[in-house]
Amino acid sequence: MLAIRHIIAHFKQKTEIAKPAHPAENNAKLPREVKEQLLKTAQTNFQNVLDHSAAELQRDLKATAIQINRRLDKLGLQMINDEMKLYHSSLEELRKQAEANILKAQTEIDSHQDEIKKQLAKNQAELEAKMLEEVANEKKALIEQLDTKLADAVASFLTETLGHNVDLGAQNAYLTAMLDEHKKEIIKGVVDEA
C-alpha cells in the first residue's frame, strides 16, 4: 500500500511539473528537439520512479512476507503447544481413569478371593467336623464290635477251660494266666472276624 501511494504521489508531482502554466504559450516557445528531449527525460524519470517504487514494493512485500511467516510460525507453535497440552491432559486423564479402574478391579478381585477363602475355610471345617464325627462313630462301632467279640471269645474260652458250674472268683489267678497264655489267639480271632 505504501508503495502504491508513493507511486501515485510521485506521478501527480511529475505531471504537475510537466504541465505548463499556459500550454499555448510554452508550445510556441520550445523547439521540437527540446520537447523530445524533455519527453525522453520525463519517460526516463518516470521509469526510474516506477523501478524505484517497484523495488520498494518488493522490499515491503519481502518484509511483510517475513513478518507473516514469523507470525504464522508463532501461531503454529502456539497451536501445536495448545494441542500438545490438550493431548497430555487427555492422556493424563485417561491414565488416571485406567488406574482407578485397575484399582477397582483389584479391590473386587481381593474381595472375591477373601470370600472364596472364607467359603473354603468353612467347607474345610465342615468336612473336618463331619470326618471327625464319622471317624468317631466308626471307632465307637469298632470298639463296640471288639468288646462284643472279645466278650464272646472270653466267655467261650472260659466255658471250654473251666467247664460248667465253676466259681469264677476262686479261679481268678488261673483265668488271668490262661488269658495271657492265649492272648495272641484271642486277638487273631477277633481281627479275623472283623
C-alpha atoms as a PDB file:
ATOM      1  CA  MET A   1       0.000   0.000   0.000  1.00  0.00           C
ATOM      2  CA  LEU A   2       2.762   2.385   0.879  1.00  0.00           C
ATOM      3  CA  ALA A   3       4.442   1.789  -2.464  1.00  0.00           C
ATOM      4  CA  ILE A   4       1.224   2.429  -4.399  1.00  0.00           C
ATOM      5  CA  ARG A   5       0.658   5.699  -2.554  1.00  0.00           C
ATOM      6  CA  HIS A   6       4.243   6.660  -3.245  1.00  0.00           C
ATOM      7  CA  ILE A   7       3.792   5.974  -6.985  1.00  0.00           C
ATOM      8  CA  ILE A   8       0.568   7.971  -7.136  1.00  0.00           C
ATOM      9  CA  ALA A   9       2.111  10.907  -5.247  1.00  0.00           C
ATOM     10  CA  HIS A  10       5.214  10.813  -7.434  1.00  0.00           C
ATOM     11  CA  PHE A  11       3.180  10.603 -10.614  1.00  0.00           C
ATOM     12  CA  LYS A  12       0.999  13.556  -9.620  1.00  0.00           C
ATOM     13  CA  GLN A  13       4.065  15.576  -8.798  1.00  0.00           C
ATOM     14  CA  LYS A  14       5.670  14.864 -12.198  1.00  0.00           C
ATOM     15  CA  THR A  15       2.504  15.606 -14.145  1.00  0.00           C
ATOM     16  CA  GLU A  16       2.108  18.888 -12.327  1.00  0.00           C
ATOM     17  CA  ILE A  17       5.696  19.796 -13.157  1.00  0.00           C
ATOM     18  CA  ALA A  18       5.294  18.643 -16.746  1.00  0.00           C
ATOM     19  CA  LYS A  19       2.079  20.653 -17.242  1.00  0.00           C
ATOM     20  CA  PRO A  20       2.844  24.145 -18.288  1.00  0.00           C
ATOM     21  CA  ALA A  21       1.034  27.035 -16.702  1.00  0.00           C
ATOM     22  CA  HIS A  22      -0.082  28.147 -20.112  1.00  0.00           C
ATOM     23  CA  PRO A  23       0.146  25.366 -22.637  1.00  0.00           C
ATOM     24  CA  ALA A  24      -0.338  27.526 -25.632  1.00  0.00           C
ATOM     25  CA  GLU A  25       2.490  29.869 -24.696  1.00  0.00           C
ATOM     26  CA  ASN A  26       5.043  27.096 -23.852  1.00  0.00           C
ATOM     27  CA  ASN A  27       4.428  25.079 -27.008  1.00  0.00           C
ATOM     28  CA  ALA A  28       5.162  28.065 -29.139  1.00  0.00           C
ATOM     29  CA  LYS A  29       8.444  28.855 -27.478  1.00  0.00           C
ATOM     30  CA  LEU A  30      10.025  25.329 -27.238  1.00  0.00           C
ATOM     31  CA  PRO A  31      11.647  23.774 -30.252  1.00  0.00           C
ATOM     32  CA  ARG A  32      10.794  20.229 -31.233  1.00  0.00           C
ATOM     33  CA  GLU A  33      14.158  18.701 -30.179  1.00  0.00           C
ATOM     34  CA  VAL A  34      13.784  20.191 -26.734  1.00  0.00           C
ATOM     35  CA  LYS A  35      10.273  18.809 -26.466  1.00  0.00           C
ATOM     36  CA  GLU A  36      11.536  15.364 -27.457  1.00  0.00           C
ATOM     37  CA  GLN A  37      14.409  15.654 -25.018  1.00  0.00           C
ATOM     38  CA  LEU A  38      12.010  16.691 -22.253  1.00  0.00           C
ATOM     39  CA  LEU A  39       9.696  13.820 -23.155  1.00  0.00           C
ATOM     40  CA  LYS A  40      12.597  11.295 -23.059  1.00  0.00           C
ATOM     41  CA  THR A  41      13.814  12.728 -19.766  1.00  0.00           C
ATOM     42  CA  ALA A  42      10.297  12.576 -18.344  1.00  0.00           C
ATOM     43  CA  GLN A  43       9.928   8.983 -19.552  1.00  0.00           C
ATOM     44  CA  THR A  44      13.312   8.045 -18.075  1.00  0.00           C
ATOM     45  CA  ASN A  45      12.445   9.738 -14.784  1.00  0.00           C
ATOM     46  CA  PHE A  46       9.046   8.071 -14.766  1.00  0.00           C
ATOM     47  CA  GLN A  47      10.678   4.689 -15.474  1.00  0.00           C
ATOM     48  CA  ASN A  48      13.193   5.318 -12.659  1.00  0.00           C
ATOM     49  CA  VAL A  49      10.360   6.226 -10.286  1.00  0.00           C
ATOM     50  CA  LEU A  50       8.490   3.075 -11.326  1.00  0.00           C
ATOM     51  CA  ASP A  51      11.623   0.930 -10.870  1.00  0.00           C
ATOM     52  CA  HIS A  52      12.330   2.549  -7.514  1.00  0.00           C
ATOM     53  CA  SER A  53       8.713   2.112  -6.414  1.00  0.00           C
ATOM     54  CA  ALA A  54       8.728  -1.496  -7.622  1.00  0.00           C
ATOM     55  CA  ALA A  55      11.945  -2.146  -5.656  1.00  0.00           C
ATOM     56  CA  GLU A  56      10.427  -0.568  -2.531  1.00  0.00           C
ATOM     57  CA  LEU A  57       7.260  -2.562  -3.078  1.00  0.00           C
ATOM     58  CA  GLN A  58       9.368  -5.716  -3.439  1.00  0.00           C
ATOM     59  CA  ARG A  59      11.218  -4.915  -0.179  1.00  0.00           C
ATOM     60  CA  ASP A  60       7.921  -4.165   1.576  1.00  0.00           C
ATOM     61  CA  LEU A  61       6.443  -7.428   0.274  1.00  0.00           C
ATOM     62  CA  LYS A  62       9.500  -9.371   1.461  1.00  0.00           C
ATOM     63  CA  ALA A  63       9.342  -7.707   4.884  1.00  0.00           C
ATOM     64  CA  THR A  64       5.602  -8.359   5.065  1.00  0.00           C
ATOM     65  CA  ALA A  65       6.122 -11.974   3.983  1.00  0.00           C
ATOM     66  CA  ILE A  66       8.821 -12.397   6.637  1.00  0.00           C
ATOM     67  CA  GLN A  67       6.543 -10.916   9.316  1.00  0.00           C
ATOM     68  CA  ILE A  68       3.631 -13.075   8.154  1.00  0.00           C
ATOM     69  CA  ASN A  69       5.882 -16.162   8.199  1.00  0.00           C
ATOM     70  CA  ARG A  70       7.097 -15.307  11.703  1.00  0.00           C
ATOM     71  CA  ARG A  71       3.563 -14.742  12.926  1.00  0.00           C
ATOM     72  CA  LEU A  72       2.393 -17.951  11.239  1.00  0.00           C
ATOM     73  CA  ASP A  73       5.305 -19.837  12.813  1.00  0.00           C
ATOM     74  CA  LYS A  74       4.474 -18.337  16.198  1.00  0.00           C
ATOM     75  CA  LEU A  75       0.770 -19.078  15.715  1.00  0.00           C
ATOM     76  CA  GLY A  76       1.582 -22.602  14.527  1.00  0.00           C
ATOM     77  CA  LEU A  77       3.836 -23.222  17.515  1.00  0.00           C
ATOM     78  CA  GLN A  78       1.179 -21.832  19.829  1.00  0.00           C
ATOM     79  CA  MET A  79      -1.452 -24.079  18.253  1.00  0.00           C
ATOM     80  CA  ILE A  80       0.868 -27.093  18.478  1.00  0.00           C
ATOM     81  CA  ASN A  81       1.649 -26.272  22.118  1.00  0.00           C
ATOM     82  CA  ASP A  82      -2.053 -25.885  22.896  1.00  0.00           C
ATOM     83  CA  GLU A  83      -2.856 -29.167  21.160  1.00  0.00           C
ATOM     84  CA  MET A  84       0.021 -30.920  22.949  1.00  0.00           C
ATOM     85  CA  LYS A  85      -1.219 -29.583  26.300  1.00  0.00           C
ATOM     86  CA  LEU A  86      -4.707 -30.789  25.466  1.00  0.00           C
ATOM     87  CA  TYR A  87      -3.311 -34.160  24.344  1.00  0.00           C
ATOM     88  CA  HIS A  88      -1.219 -34.503  27.514  1.00  0.00           C
ATOM     89  CA  SER A  89      -4.134 -33.552  29.750  1.00  0.00           C
ATOM     90  CA  SER A  90      -6.389 -36.041  27.928  1.00  0.00           C
ATOM     91  CA  LEU A  91      -3.696 -38.689  28.208  1.00  0.00           C
ATOM     92  CA  GLU A  92      -3.245 -37.953  31.922  1.00  0.00           C
ATOM     93  CA  GLU A  93      -6.997 -38.146  32.457  1.00  0.00           C
ATOM     94  CA  LEU A  94      -7.130 -41.497  30.648  1.00  0.00           C
ATOM     95  CA  ARG A  95      -4.166 -42.760  32.702  1.00  0.00           C
ATOM     96  CA  LYS A  96      -5.888 -41.751  35.955  1.00  0.00           C
ATOM     97  CA  GLN A  97      -9.118 -43.373  34.819  1.00  0.00           C
ATOM     98  CA  ALA A  98      -7.248 -46.572  33.890  1.00  0.00           C
ATOM     99  CA  GLU A  99      -5.504 -46.583  37.289  1.00  0.00           C
ATOM    100  CA  ALA A 100      -8.860 -46.113  39.026  1.00  0.00           C
ATOM    101  CA  ASN A 101     -10.365 -48.976  37.005  1.00  0.00           C
ATOM    102  CA  ILE A 102      -7.393 -51.225  37.773  1.00  0.00           C
ATOM    103  CA  LEU A 103      -7.589 -50.343  41.473  1.00  0.00           C
ATOM    104  CA  LYS A 104     -11.335 -51.028  41.496  1.00  0.00           C
ATOM    105  CA  ALA A 105     -10.814 -54.351  39.709  1.00  0.00           C
ATOM    106  CA  GLN A 106      -8.014 -55.285  42.133  1.00  0.00           C
ATOM    107  CA  THR A 107     -10.271 -54.430  45.088  1.00  0.00           C
ATOM    108  CA  GLU A 108     -13.067 -56.560  43.640  1.00  0.00           C
ATOM    109  CA  ILE A 109     -10.626 -59.427  43.000  1.00  0.00           C
ATOM    110  CA  ASP A 110      -9.275 -59.198  46.566  1.00  0.00           C
ATOM    111  CA  SER A 111     -12.815 -59.130  47.959  1.00  0.00           C
ATOM    112  CA  HIS A 112     -13.802 -62.122  45.831  1.00  0.00           C
ATOM    113  CA  GLN A 113     -10.671 -64.010  46.901  1.00  0.00           C
ATOM    114  CA  ASP A 114     -11.461 -63.282  50.559  1.00  0.00           C
ATOM    115  CA  GLU A 115     -14.993 -64.602  50.070  1.00  0.00           C
ATOM    116  CA  ILE A 116     -13.641 -67.739  48.379  1.00  0.00           C
ATOM    117  CA  LYS A 117     -11.092 -68.254  51.184  1.00  0.00           C
ATOM    118  CA  LYS A 118     -13.818 -67.865  53.826  1.00  0.00           C
ATOM    119  CA  GLN A 119     -16.073 -70.299  51.973  1.00  0.00           C
ATOM    120  CA  LEU A 120     -13.191 -72.780  51.568  1.00  0.00           C
ATOM    121  CA  ALA A 121     -12.314 -72.479  55.266  1.00  0.00           C
ATOM    122  CA  LYS A 122     -15.975 -73.008  56.190  1.00  0.00           C
ATOM    123  CA  ASN A 123     -16.268 -76.015  53.860  1.00  0.00           C
ATOM    124  CA  GLN A 124     -12.995 -77.431  55.175  1.00  0.00           C
ATOM    125  CA  ALA A 125     -14.136 -77.000  58.783  1.00  0.00           C
ATOM    126  CA  GLU A 126     -17.470 -78.676  57.965  1.00  0.00           C
ATOM    127  CA  LEU A 127     -15.689 -81.549  56.190  1.00  0.00           C
ATOM    128  CA  GLU A 128     -13.222 -81.968  59.051  1.00  0.00           C
ATOM    129  CA  ALA A 129     -16.050 -81.955  61.591  1.00  0.00           C
ATOM    130  CA  LYS A 130     -18.003 -84.466  59.503  1.00  0.00           C
ATOM    131  CA  MET A 131     -14.925 -86.659  59.049  1.00  0.00           C
ATOM    132  CA  LEU A 132     -14.125 -86.496  62.762  1.00  0.00           C
ATOM    133  CA  GLU A 133     -17.717 -87.423  63.545  1.00  0.00           C
ATOM    134  CA  GLU A 134     -17.609 -90.313  61.062  1.00  0.00           C
ATOM    135  CA  VAL A 135     -14.237 -91.482  62.417  1.00  0.00           C
ATOM    136  CA  ALA A 136     -15.563 -91.243  65.985  1.00  0.00           C
ATOM    137  CA  ASN A 137     -18.712 -93.179  65.012  1.00  0.00           C
ATOM    138  CA  GLU A 138     -16.630 -95.778  63.172  1.00  0.00           C
ATOM    139  CA  LYS A 139     -14.257 -96.029  66.127  1.00  0.00           C
ATOM    140  CA  LYS A 140     -17.170 -96.378  68.523  1.00  0.00           C
ATOM    141  CA  ALA A 141     -18.725 -99.076  66.328  1.00  0.00           C
ATOM    142  CA  LEU A 142     -15.402-100.910  66.082  1.00  0.00           C
ATOM    143  CA  ILE A 143     -14.890-100.687  69.846  1.00  0.00           C
ATOM    144  CA  GLU A 144     -18.415-101.970  70.464  1.00  0.00           C
ATOM    145  CA  GLN A 145     -17.853-104.751  67.952  1.00  0.00           C
ATOM    146  CA  LEU A 146     -14.468-105.547  69.515  1.00  0.00           C
ATOM    147  CA  ASP A 147     -15.983-105.553  73.002  1.00  0.00           C
ATOM    148  CA  THR A 148     -18.766-107.853  71.850  1.00  0.00           C
ATOM    149  CA  LYS A 149     -16.382-110.251  70.126  1.00  0.00           C
ATOM    150  CA  LEU A 150     -13.907-110.126  72.973  1.00  0.00           C
ATOM    151  CA  ALA A 151     -16.667-110.834  75.471  1.00  0.00           C
ATOM    152  CA  ASP A 152     -17.857-113.725  73.313  1.00  0.00           C
ATOM    153  CA  ALA A 153     -14.305-115.046  72.976  1.00  0.00           C
ATOM    154  CA  VAL A 154     -13.634-114.792  76.710  1.00  0.00           C
ATOM    155  CA  ALA A 155     -16.950-116.416  77.539  1.00  0.00           C
ATOM    156  CA  SER A 156     -16.254-119.181  75.054  1.00  0.00           C
ATOM    157  CA  PHE A 157     -12.746-119.640  76.395  1.00  0.00           C
ATOM    158  CA  LEU A 158     -13.949-119.775  79.971  1.00  0.00           C
ATOM    159  CA  THR A 159     -16.613-122.239  79.121  1.00  0.00           C
ATOM    160  CA  GLU A 160     -14.140-124.503  77.382  1.00  0.00           C
ATOM    161  CA  THR A 161     -11.450-124.132  80.003  1.00  0.00           C
ATOM    162  CA  LEU A 162     -13.441-124.429  83.161  1.00  0.00           C
ATOM    163  CA  GLY A 163     -16.462-126.296  82.192  1.00  0.00           C
ATOM    164  CA  HIS A 164     -19.844-125.701  83.818  1.00  0.00           C
ATOM    165  CA  ASN A 165     -20.733-124.790  87.424  1.00  0.00           C
ATOM    166  CA  VAL A 166     -17.350-123.346  88.392  1.00  0.00           C
ATOM    167  CA  ASP A 167     -16.793-120.448  90.854  1.00  0.00           C
ATOM    168  CA  LEU A 168     -15.041-117.733  88.779  1.00  0.00           C
ATOM    169  CA  GLY A 169     -13.906-115.697  91.841  1.00  0.00           C
ATOM    170  CA  ALA A 170     -11.823-118.599  93.125  1.00  0.00           C
ATOM    171  CA  GLN A 171     -10.291-119.179  89.733  1.00  0.00           C
ATOM    172  CA  ASN A 172      -9.143-115.558  89.137  1.00  0.00           C
ATOM    173  CA  ALA A 173      -5.382-116.224  89.089  1.00  0.00           C
ATOM    174  CA  TYR A 174      -5.838-119.269  86.901  1.00  0.00           C
ATOM    175  CA  LEU A 175      -8.080-117.387  84.447  1.00  0.00           C
ATOM    176  CA  THR A 176      -5.651-114.475  84.154  1.00  0.00           C
ATOM    177  CA  ALA A 177      -2.766-116.814  83.420  1.00  0.00           C
ATOM    178  CA  MET A 178      -4.797-118.680  80.800  1.00  0.00           C
ATOM    179  CA  LEU A 179      -5.913-115.420  79.146  1.00  0.00           C
ATOM    180  CA  ASP A 180      -2.299-114.227  78.962  1.00  0.00           C
ATOM    181  CA  GLU A 181      -1.252-117.554  77.501  1.00  0.00           C
ATOM    182  CA  HIS A 182      -3.930-117.479  74.787  1.00  0.00           C
ATOM    183  CA  LYS A 183      -3.914-113.694  74.236  1.00  0.00           C
ATOM    184  CA  LYS A 184      -2.491-113.888  70.699  1.00  0.00           C
ATOM    185  CA  GLU A 185      -5.050-116.447  69.626  1.00  0.00           C
ATOM    186  CA  ILE A 186      -7.908-114.330  71.004  1.00  0.00           C
ATOM    187  CA  ILE A 187      -6.670-111.184  69.218  1.00  0.00           C
ATOM    188  CA  LYS A 188      -6.223-113.122  65.975  1.00  0.00           C
ATOM    189  CA  GLY A 189      -9.744-114.484  66.226  1.00  0.00           C
ATOM    190  CA  VAL A 190     -11.216-111.024  66.826  1.00  0.00           C
ATOM    191  CA  VAL A 191      -9.229-109.491  63.945  1.00  0.00           C
ATOM    192  CA  ASP A 192     -10.195-112.284  61.547  1.00  0.00           C
ATOM    193  CA  GLU A 193     -13.873-111.828  62.352  1.00  0.00           C
ATOM    194  CA  ALA A 194     -13.670-108.038  61.959  1.00  0.00           C
END
